[in-house]
């Protein structure tokens, strides 16, 4: 059995290229900057999650984050929602 479908593999390649371009255009600094931020953008956080209908290859849906900030967004979803780092499937940031 294949680890990922052909469609997902194509999407993953598109996302990787998109993230490389976003880092070139936006810079390598974390766009979130919670306390404890290490400053170096290494992750692409999807503001509207795929499970909520978000696109992993829509540059307007991606924030460049450091790992500590990305972990905090996942660990504190209500805080992230209030600050606009996460979006509800029902629209708006909160």
PDB file of N, CA and C in Angstrom:
ATOM      1  N   UNK A   1       0.830  -1.178   0.000  1.00  0.00           N
ATOM      2  CA  UNK A   1       0.000   0.000   0.000  1.00  0.00           C
ATOM      3  C   UNK A   1       0.885   1.255   0.000  1.00  0.00           C
ATOM      4  N   UNK A   2       0.466   2.255  -0.764  1.00  0.00           N
ATOM      5  CA  UNK A   2       1.218   3.507  -0.853  1.00  0.00           C
ATOM      6  C   UNK A   2       1.033   4.324   0.424  1.00  0.00           C
ATOM      7  N   UNK A   3       2.082   5.029   0.805  1.00  0.00           N
ATOM      8  CA  UNK A   3       2.012   5.876   2.002  1.00  0.00           C
ATOM      9  C   UNK A   3       1.049   7.039   1.790  1.00  0.00           C
ATOM     10  N   UNK A   4       1.066   7.652   0.608  1.00  0.00           N
ATOM     11  CA  UNK A   4       0.144   8.743   0.268  1.00  0.00           C
ATOM     12  C   UNK A   4      -0.348   8.540  -1.156  1.00  0.00           C
ATOM     13  N   UNK A   5      -1.515   9.087  -1.431  1.00  0.00           N
ATOM     14  CA  UNK A   5      -2.065   8.993  -2.781  1.00  0.00           C
ATOM     15  C   UNK A   5      -1.268   9.886  -3.727  1.00  0.00           C
ATOM     16  N   UNK A   6      -1.428   9.633  -5.013  1.00  0.00           N
ATOM     17  CA  UNK A   6      -0.768  10.485  -6.010  1.00  0.00           C
ATOM     18  C   UNK A   6      -1.218  11.931  -5.853  1.00  0.00           C
ATOM     19  N   UNK A   7      -2.517  12.127  -5.595  1.00  0.00           N
ATOM     20  CA  UNK A   7      -3.056  13.483  -5.422  1.00  0.00           C
ATOM     21  C   UNK A   7      -2.403  14.178  -4.230  1.00  0.00           C
ATOM     22  N   UNK A   8      -2.295  13.469  -3.095  1.00  0.00           N
ATOM     23  CA  UNK A   8      -1.674  14.059  -1.907  1.00  0.00           C
ATOM     24  C   UNK A   8      -0.196  14.328  -2.148  1.00  0.00           C
ATOM     25  N   UNK A   9       0.481  13.440  -2.856  1.00  0.00           N
ATOM     26  CA  UNK A   9       1.900  13.643  -3.158  1.00  0.00           C
ATOM     27  C   UNK A   9       2.092  14.907  -4.001  1.00  0.00           C
ATOM     28  N   UNK A  10       1.219  15.120  -5.001  1.00  0.00           N
ATOM     29  CA  UNK A  10       1.297  16.348  -5.823  1.00  0.00           C
ATOM     30  C   UNK A  10       1.047  17.580  -4.959  1.00  0.00           C
ATOM     31  N   UNK A  11       0.039  17.486  -4.085  1.00  0.00           N
ATOM     32  CA  UNK A  11      -0.276  18.613  -3.203  1.00  0.00           C
ATOM     33  C   UNK A  11       0.890  18.905  -2.264  1.00  0.00           C
ATOM     34  N   UNK A  12       1.523  17.873  -1.742  1.00  0.00           N
ATOM     35  CA  UNK A  12       2.678  18.060  -0.860  1.00  0.00           C
ATOM     36  C   UNK A  12       3.837  18.746  -1.583  1.00  0.00           C
ATOM     37  N   UNK A  13       4.068  18.379  -2.851  1.00  0.00           N
ATOM     38  CA  UNK A  13       5.126  19.045  -3.640  1.00  0.00           C
ATOM     39  C   UNK A  13       4.788  20.516  -3.864  1.00  0.00           C
ATOM     40  N   UNK A  14       3.517  20.789  -4.200  1.00  0.00           N
ATOM     41  CA  UNK A  14       3.087  22.186  -4.390  1.00  0.00           C
ATOM     42  C   UNK A  14       3.266  22.987  -3.106  1.00  0.00           C
ATOM     43  N   UNK A  15       2.905  22.381  -1.981  1.00  0.00           N
ATOM     44  CA  UNK A  15       3.024  23.071  -0.692  1.00  0.00           C
ATOM     45  C   UNK A  15       4.485  23.363  -0.363  1.00  0.00           C
ATOM     46  N   UNK A  16       5.358  22.393  -0.588  1.00  0.00           N
ATOM     47  CA  UNK A  16       6.786  22.587  -0.303  1.00  0.00           C
ATOM     48  C   UNK A  16       7.338  23.753  -1.116  1.00  0.00           C
ATOM     49  N   UNK A  17       6.995  23.799  -2.413  1.00  0.00           N
ATOM     50  CA  UNK A  17       7.455  24.904  -3.263  1.00  0.00           C
ATOM     51  C   UNK A  17       6.859  26.227  -2.805  1.00  0.00           C
ATOM     52  N   UNK A  18       5.583  26.207  -2.425  1.00  0.00           N
ATOM     53  CA  UNK A  18       4.926  27.426  -1.940  1.00  0.00           C
ATOM     54  C   UNK A  18       5.615  27.936  -0.678  1.00  0.00           C
ATOM     55  N   UNK A  19       5.899  27.056   0.271  1.00  0.00           N
ATOM     56  CA  UNK A  19       6.558  27.481   1.509  1.00  0.00           C
ATOM     57  C   UNK A  19       7.938  28.054   1.236  1.00  0.00           C
ATOM     58  N   UNK A  20       8.675  27.460   0.308  1.00  0.00           N
ATOM     59  CA  UNK A  20       9.993  27.994  -0.053  1.00  0.00           C
ATOM     60  C   UNK A  20       9.851  29.408  -0.621  1.00  0.00           C
ATOM     61  N   UNK A  21       8.846  29.612  -1.475  1.00  0.00           N
ATOM     62  CA  UNK A  21       8.622  30.942  -2.057  1.00  0.00           C
ATOM     63  C   UNK A  21       8.191  31.938  -0.993  1.00  0.00           C
ATOM     64  N   UNK A  22       7.312  31.524  -0.083  1.00  0.00           N
ATOM     65  CA  UNK A  22       6.848  32.437   0.962  1.00  0.00           C
ATOM     66  C   UNK A  22       7.999  32.877   1.863  1.00  0.00           C
ATOM     67  N   UNK A  23       8.906  31.969   2.172  1.00  0.00           N
ATOM     68  CA  UNK A  23      10.072  32.332   2.991  1.00  0.00           C
ATOM     69  C   UNK A  23      10.936  33.341   2.246  1.00  0.00           C
ATOM     70  N   UNK A  24      11.112  33.151   0.932  1.00  0.00           N
ATOM     71  CA  UNK A  24      11.890  34.131   0.143  1.00  0.00           C
ATOM     72  C   UNK A  24      11.205  35.493   0.141  1.00  0.00           C
ATOM     73  N   UNK A  25       9.886  35.508  -0.018  1.00  0.00           N
ATOM     74  CA  UNK A  25       9.154  36.769  -0.126  1.00  0.00           C
ATOM     75  C   UNK A  25       8.924  37.456   1.222  1.00  0.00           C
ATOM     76  N   UNK A  26       8.543  36.689   2.219  1.00  0.00           N
ATOM     77  CA  UNK A  26       8.180  37.262   3.518  1.00  0.00           C
ATOM     78  C   UNK A  26       9.358  37.345   4.478  1.00  0.00           C
ATOM     79  N   UNK A  27      10.377  36.560   4.214  1.00  0.00           N
ATOM     80  CA  UNK A  27      11.516  36.508   5.122  1.00  0.00           C
ATOM     81  C   UNK A  27      11.433  35.290   6.021  1.00  0.00           C
ATOM     82  N   UNK A  28      12.490  35.067   6.768  1.00  0.00           N
ATOM     83  CA  UNK A  28      12.610  33.867   7.587  1.00  0.00           C
ATOM     84  C   UNK A  28      12.171  34.074   9.025  1.00  0.00           C
ATOM     85  N   UNK A  29      11.504  35.179   9.314  1.00  0.00           N
ATOM     86  CA  UNK A  29      11.080  35.447  10.691  1.00  0.00           C
ATOM     87  C   UNK A  29       9.682  34.911  10.951  1.00  0.00           C
ATOM     88  N   UNK A  30       9.473  34.400  12.163  1.00  0.00           N
ATOM     89  CA  UNK A  30       8.176  33.901  12.592  1.00  0.00           C
ATOM     90  C   UNK A  30       7.155  35.036  12.517  1.00  0.00           C
ATOM     91  N   UNK A  31       5.989  34.748  11.951  1.00  0.00           N
ATOM     92  CA  UNK A  31       4.939  35.754  11.806  1.00  0.00           C
ATOM     93  C   UNK A  31       3.979  35.775  12.996  1.00  0.00           C
ATOM     94  N   UNK A  32       4.249  34.977  14.010  1.00  0.00           N
ATOM     95  CA  UNK A  32       3.371  34.903  15.179  1.00  0.00           C
ATOM     96  C   UNK A  32       4.007  35.589  16.384  1.00  0.00           C
ATOM     97  N   UNK A  33       5.175  35.179  16.798  1.00  0.00           N
ATOM     98  CA  UNK A  33       5.962  35.787  17.877  1.00  0.00           C
ATOM     99  C   UNK A  33       5.296  35.783  19.250  1.00  0.00           C
ATOM    100  N   UNK A  34       4.852  34.616  19.704  1.00  0.00           N
ATOM    101  CA  UNK A  34       4.417  34.455  21.090  1.00  0.00           C
ATOM    102  C   UNK A  34       5.638  34.562  21.985  1.00  0.00           C
ATOM    103  N   UNK A  35       5.454  34.785  23.298  1.00  0.00           N
ATOM    104  CA  UNK A  35       6.598  34.689  24.211  1.00  0.00           C
ATOM    105  C   UNK A  35       7.238  33.300  24.069  1.00  0.00           C
ATOM    106  N   UNK A  36       8.548  33.259  24.000  1.00  0.00           N
ATOM    107  CA  UNK A  36       9.251  32.002  23.797  1.00  0.00           C
ATOM    108  C   UNK A  36       9.541  31.703  22.341  1.00  0.00           C
ATOM    109  N   UNK A  37       9.133  32.597  21.468  1.00  0.00           N
ATOM    110  CA  UNK A  37       9.378  32.447  20.028  1.00  0.00           C
ATOM    111  C   UNK A  37      10.881  32.397  19.776  1.00  0.00           C
ATOM    112  N   UNK A  38      11.302  31.477  18.917  1.00  0.00           N
ATOM    113  CA  UNK A  38      12.735  31.448  18.604  1.00  0.00           C
ATOM    114  C   UNK A  38      13.050  32.265  17.351  1.00  0.00           C
ATOM    115  N   UNK A  39      12.000  32.825  16.713  1.00  0.00           N
ATOM    116  CA  UNK A  39      12.195  33.773  15.633  1.00  0.00           C
ATOM    117  C   UNK A  39      12.351  33.204  14.237  1.00  0.00           C
ATOM    118  N   UNK A  40      12.742  31.953  14.109  1.00  0.00           N
ATOM    119  CA  UNK A  40      13.054  31.379  12.797  1.00  0.00           C
ATOM    120  C   UNK A  40      11.875  30.585  12.259  1.00  0.00           C
ATOM    121  N   UNK A  41      11.293  31.049  11.174  1.00  0.00           N
ATOM    122  CA  UNK A  41      10.149  30.382  10.553  1.00  0.00           C
ATOM    123  C   UNK A  41      10.572  29.063   9.919  1.00  0.00           C
ATOM    124  N   UNK A  42      10.079  27.966  10.473  1.00  0.00           N
ATOM    125  CA  UNK A  42      10.387  26.639   9.932  1.00  0.00           C
ATOM    126  C   UNK A  42       9.118  25.860   9.575  1.00  0.00           C
ATOM    127  N   UNK A  43       7.961  26.362   9.978  1.00  0.00           N
ATOM    128  CA  UNK A  43       6.694  25.683   9.714  1.00  0.00           C
ATOM    129  C   UNK A  43       5.753  26.610   8.962  1.00  0.00           C
ATOM    130  N   UNK A  44       4.837  26.005   8.229  1.00  0.00           N
ATOM    131  CA  UNK A  44       3.755  26.742   7.593  1.00  0.00           C
ATOM    132  C   UNK A  44       2.462  26.372   8.290  1.00  0.00           C
ATOM    133  N   UNK A  45       1.913  27.282   9.064  1.00  0.00           N
ATOM    134  CA  UNK A  45       0.668  27.026   9.802  1.00  0.00           C
ATOM    135  C   UNK A  45      -0.526  27.419   8.947  1.00  0.00           C
ATOM    136  N   UNK A  46      -1.499  26.514   8.847  1.00  0.00           N
ATOM    137  CA  UNK A  46      -2.727  26.792   8.107  1.00  0.00           C
ATOM    138  C   UNK A  46      -3.740  27.420   9.059  1.00  0.00           C
ATOM    139  N   UNK A  47      -4.095  28.668   8.805  1.00  0.00           N
ATOM    140  CA  UNK A  47      -5.025  29.392   9.663  1.00  0.00           C
ATOM    141  C   UNK A  47      -6.378  28.672   9.693  1.00  0.00           C
ATOM    142  N   UNK A  48      -6.897  28.319   8.531  1.00  0.00           N
ATOM    143  CA  UNK A  48      -8.103  27.501   8.442  1.00  0.00           C
ATOM    144  C   UNK A  48      -7.636  26.085   8.122  1.00  0.00           C
ATOM    145  N   UNK A  49      -7.795  25.192   9.077  1.00  0.00           N
ATOM    146  CA  UNK A  49      -7.299  23.820   8.942  1.00  0.00           C
ATOM    147  C   UNK A  49      -7.921  23.102   7.746  1.00  0.00           C
ATOM    148  N   UNK A  50      -7.201  22.143   7.227  1.00  0.00           N
ATOM    149  CA  UNK A  50      -7.711  21.325   6.121  1.00  0.00           C
ATOM    150  C   UNK A  50      -9.029  20.674   6.507  1.00  0.00           C
ATOM    151  N   UNK A  51      -9.112  20.209   7.759  1.00  0.00           N
ATOM    152  CA  UNK A  51     -10.328  19.529   8.224  1.00  0.00           C
ATOM    153  C   UNK A  51     -11.529  20.468   8.269  1.00  0.00           C
ATOM    154  N   UNK A  52     -11.270  21.768   8.251  1.00  0.00           N
ATOM    155  CA  UNK A  52     -12.343  22.760   8.265  1.00  0.00           C
ATOM    156  C   UNK A  52     -12.567  23.363   6.878  1.00  0.00           C
ATOM    157  N   UNK A  53     -11.896  22.812   5.875  1.00  0.00           N
ATOM    158  CA  UNK A  53     -12.072  23.290   4.508  1.00  0.00           C
ATOM    159  C   UNK A  53     -10.975  24.191   4.004  1.00  0.00           C
ATOM    160  N   UNK A  54      -9.915  24.383   4.804  1.00  0.00           N
ATOM    161  CA  UNK A  54      -8.802  25.222   4.390  1.00  0.00           C
ATOM    162  C   UNK A  54      -7.910  24.528   3.387  1.00  0.00           C
ATOM    163  N   UNK A  55      -7.224  25.319   2.602  1.00  0.00           N
ATOM    164  CA  UNK A  55      -6.320  24.774   1.593  1.00  0.00           C
ATOM    165  C   UNK A  55      -4.878  24.851   2.079  1.00  0.00           C
ATOM    166  N   UNK A  56      -4.143  23.749   1.946  1.00  0.00           N
ATOM    167  CA  UNK A  56      -2.730  23.763   2.327  1.00  0.00           C
ATOM    168  C   UNK A  56      -1.837  24.453   1.303  1.00  0.00           C
ATOM    169  N   UNK A  57      -2.411  24.832   0.163  1.00  0.00           N
ATOM    170  CA  UNK A  57      -1.624  25.497  -0.878  1.00  0.00           C
ATOM    171  C   UNK A  57      -2.162  26.888  -1.218  1.00  0.00           C
ATOM    172  N   UNK A  58      -2.938  27.473  -0.317  1.00  0.00           N
ATOM    173  CA  UNK A  58      -3.436  28.836  -0.479  1.00  0.00           C
ATOM    174  C   UNK A  58      -2.553  29.742   0.370  1.00  0.00           C
ATOM    175  N   UNK A  59      -1.752  30.567  -0.271  1.00  0.00           N
ATOM    176  CA  UNK A  59      -0.789  31.376   0.482  1.00  0.00           C
ATOM    177  C   UNK A  59      -1.451  32.337   1.462  1.00  0.00           C
ATOM    178  N   UNK A  60      -2.704  32.719   1.225  1.00  0.00           N
ATOM    179  CA  UNK A  60      -3.399  33.595   2.169  1.00  0.00           C
ATOM    180  C   UNK A  60      -3.839  32.836   3.416  1.00  0.00           C
ATOM    181  N   UNK A  61      -3.734  31.514   3.400  1.00  0.00           N
ATOM    182  CA  UNK A  61      -4.123  30.673   4.528  1.00  0.00           C
ATOM    183  C   UNK A  61      -2.912  30.217   5.345  1.00  0.00           C
ATOM    184  N   UNK A  62      -1.728  30.690   4.996  1.00  0.00           N
ATOM    185  CA  UNK A  62      -0.509  30.189   5.634  1.00  0.00           C
ATOM    186  C   UNK A  62       0.229  31.304   6.372  1.00  0.00           C
ATOM    187  N   UNK A  63       0.577  30.996   7.620  1.00  0.00           N
ATOM    188  CA  UNK A  63       1.467  31.850   8.400  1.00  0.00           C
ATOM    189  C   UNK A  63       2.775  31.095   8.571  1.00  0.00           C
ATOM    190  N   UNK A  64       3.882  31.777   8.402  1.00  0.00           N
ATOM    191  CA  UNK A  64       5.191  31.174   8.642  1.00  0.00           C
ATOM    192  C   UNK A  64       5.481  31.285  10.131  1.00  0.00           C
ATOM    193  N   UNK A  65       5.754  30.144  10.771  1.00  0.00           N
ATOM    194  CA  UNK A  65       5.948  30.139  12.219  1.00  0.00           C
ATOM    195  C   UNK A  65       7.212  29.391  12.617  1.00  0.00           C
ATOM    196  N   UNK A  66       7.711  29.737  13.796  1.00  0.00           N
ATOM    197  CA  UNK A  66       8.758  28.925  14.408  1.00  0.00           C
ATOM    198  C   UNK A  66       8.058  27.727  15.061  1.00  0.00           C
ATOM    199  N   UNK A  67       8.804  26.725  15.415  1.00  0.00           N
ATOM    200  CA  UNK A  67       8.205  25.530  16.008  1.00  0.00           C
ATOM    201  C   UNK A  67       7.518  25.826  17.353  1.00  0.00           C
ATOM    202  N   UNK A  68       8.130  26.590  18.285  1.00  0.00           N
ATOM    203  CA  UNK A  68       7.438  26.858  19.550  1.00  0.00           C
ATOM    204  C   UNK A  68       6.088  27.579  19.358  1.00  0.00           C
ATOM    205  N   UNK A  69       6.026  28.527  18.444  1.00  0.00           N
ATOM    206  CA  UNK A  69       4.759  29.228  18.204  1.00  0.00           C
ATOM    207  C   UNK A  69       3.733  28.305  17.560  1.00  0.00           C
ATOM    208  N   UNK A  70       4.168  27.449  16.639  1.00  0.00           N
ATOM    209  CA  UNK A  70       3.260  26.514  15.989  1.00  0.00           C
ATOM    210  C   UNK A  70       2.686  25.534  17.015  1.00  0.00           C
ATOM    211  N   UNK A  71       3.528  25.059  17.933  1.00  0.00           N
ATOM    212  CA  UNK A  71       3.072  24.161  18.993  1.00  0.00           C
ATOM    213  C   UNK A  71       2.061  24.867  19.886  1.00  0.00           C
ATOM    214  N   UNK A  72       2.321  26.129  20.227  1.00  0.00           N
ATOM    215  CA  UNK A  72       1.402  26.875  21.094  1.00  0.00           C
ATOM    216  C   UNK A  72       0.051  27.080  20.414  1.00  0.00           C
ATOM    217  N   UNK A  73       0.040  27.356  19.127  1.00  0.00           N
ATOM    218  CA  UNK A  73      -1.221  27.503  18.401  1.00  0.00           C
ATOM    219  C   UNK A  73      -2.046  26.218  18.531  1.00  0.00           C
ATOM    220  N   UNK A  74      -1.385  25.077  18.385  1.00  0.00           N
ATOM    221  CA  UNK A  74      -2.078  23.801  18.504  1.00  0.00           C
ATOM    222  C   UNK A  74      -2.528  23.498  19.922  1.00  0.00           C
ATOM    223  N   UNK A  75      -1.728  23.909  20.898  1.00  0.00           N
ATOM    224  CA  UNK A  75      -2.025  23.626  22.301  1.00  0.00           C
ATOM    225  C   UNK A  75      -3.072  24.575  22.889  1.00  0.00           C
ATOM    226  N   UNK A  76      -3.179  25.764  22.321  1.00  0.00           N
ATOM    227  CA  UNK A  76      -4.112  26.774  22.845  1.00  0.00           C
ATOM    228  C   UNK A  76      -5.004  27.298  21.725  1.00  0.00           C
ATOM    229  N   UNK A  77      -5.898  26.459  21.225  1.00  0.00           N
ATOM    230  CA  UNK A  77      -6.703  26.846  20.066  1.00  0.00           C
ATOM    231  C   UNK A  77      -7.604  28.062  20.295  1.00  0.00           C
ATOM    232  N   UNK A  78      -8.146  28.231  21.485  1.00  0.00           N
ATOM    233  CA  UNK A  78      -9.009  29.397  21.728  1.00  0.00           C
ATOM    234  C   UNK A  78      -8.211  30.695  21.703  1.00  0.00           C
ATOM    235  N   UNK A  79      -7.031  30.675  22.302  1.00  0.00           N
ATOM    236  CA  UNK A  79      -6.154  31.850  22.263  1.00  0.00           C
ATOM    237  C   UNK A  79      -5.782  32.170  20.808  1.00  0.00           C
ATOM    238  N   UNK A  80      -5.410  31.142  20.051  1.00  0.00           N
ATOM    239  CA  UNK A  80      -5.037  31.336  18.646  1.00  0.00           C
ATOM    240  C   UNK A  80      -6.217  31.883  17.847  1.00  0.00           C
ATOM    241  N   UNK A  81      -7.417  31.408  18.148  1.00  0.00           N
ATOM    242  CA  UNK A  81      -8.623  31.880  17.469  1.00  0.00           C
ATOM    243  C   UNK A  81      -8.852  33.366  17.778  1.00  0.00           C
ATOM    244  N   UNK A  82      -8.732  33.730  19.050  1.00  0.00           N
ATOM    245  CA  UNK A  82      -8.930  35.127  19.459  1.00  0.00           C
ATOM    246  C   UNK A  82      -7.911  36.067  18.822  1.00  0.00           C
ATOM    247  N   UNK A  83      -6.684  35.588  18.631  1.00  0.00           N
ATOM    248  CA  UNK A  83      -5.609  36.416  18.073  1.00  0.00           C
ATOM    249  C   UNK A  83      -5.563  36.390  16.543  1.00  0.00           C
ATOM    250  N   UNK A  84      -6.425  35.572  15.929  1.00  0.00           N
ATOM    251  CA  UNK A  84      -6.474  35.507  14.469  1.00  0.00           C
ATOM    252  C   UNK A  84      -5.479  34.553  13.837  1.00  0.00           C
ATOM    253  N   UNK A  85      -4.824  33.721  14.656  1.00  0.00           N
ATOM    254  CA  UNK A  85      -3.871  32.751  14.127  1.00  0.00           C
ATOM    255  C   UNK A  85      -4.550  31.444  13.738  1.00  0.00           C
ATOM    256  N   UNK A  86      -5.809  31.335  14.075  1.00  0.00           N
ATOM    257  CA  UNK A  86      -6.616  30.176  13.720  1.00  0.00           C
ATOM    258  C   UNK A  86      -7.975  30.714  13.328  1.00  0.00           C
ATOM    259  N   UNK A  87      -8.651  30.003  12.447  1.00  0.00           N
ATOM    260  CA  UNK A  87      -9.963  30.450  11.992  1.00  0.00           C
ATOM    261  C   UNK A  87     -10.946  29.299  12.120  1.00  0.00           C
ATOM    262  N   UNK A  88     -12.166  29.637  12.442  1.00  0.00           N
ATOM    263  CA  UNK A  88     -13.225  28.659  12.551  1.00  0.00           C
ATOM    264  C   UNK A  88     -13.785  28.320  11.171  1.00  0.00           C
ATOM    265  N   UNK A  89     -14.230  27.091  11.004  1.00  0.00           N
ATOM    266  CA  UNK A  89     -14.870  26.703   9.750  1.00  0.00           C
ATOM    267  C   UNK A  89     -16.137  27.509   9.506  1.00  0.00           C
ATOM    268  N   UNK A  90     -16.667  28.137  10.557  1.00  0.00           N
ATOM    269  CA  UNK A  90     -17.914  28.886  10.448  1.00  0.00           C
ATOM    270  C   UNK A  90     -17.702  30.354  10.126  1.00  0.00           C
ATOM    271  N   UNK A  91     -16.457  30.706   9.840  1.00  0.00           N
ATOM    272  CA  UNK A  91     -16.134  32.061   9.399  1.00  0.00           C
ATOM    273  C   UNK A  91     -15.585  32.925  10.512  1.00  0.00           C
ATOM    274  N   UNK A  92     -14.773  33.851  10.100  1.00  0.00           N
ATOM    275  CA  UNK A  92     -14.202  34.815  11.047  1.00  0.00           C
ATOM    276  C   UNK A  92     -13.155  34.202  11.955  1.00  0.00           C
ATOM    277  N   UNK A  93     -12.475  35.065  12.652  1.00  0.00           N
ATOM    278  CA  UNK A  93     -11.427  34.624  13.557  1.00  0.00           C
ATOM    279  C   UNK A  93     -12.001  34.239  14.915  1.00  0.00           C
ATOM    280  N   UNK A  94     -13.147  34.745  15.271  1.00  0.00           N
ATOM    281  CA  UNK A  94     -13.697  34.400  16.595  1.00  0.00           C
ATOM    282  C   UNK A  94     -15.179  34.276  16.563  1.00  0.00           C
TER     283      UNK A  94
END
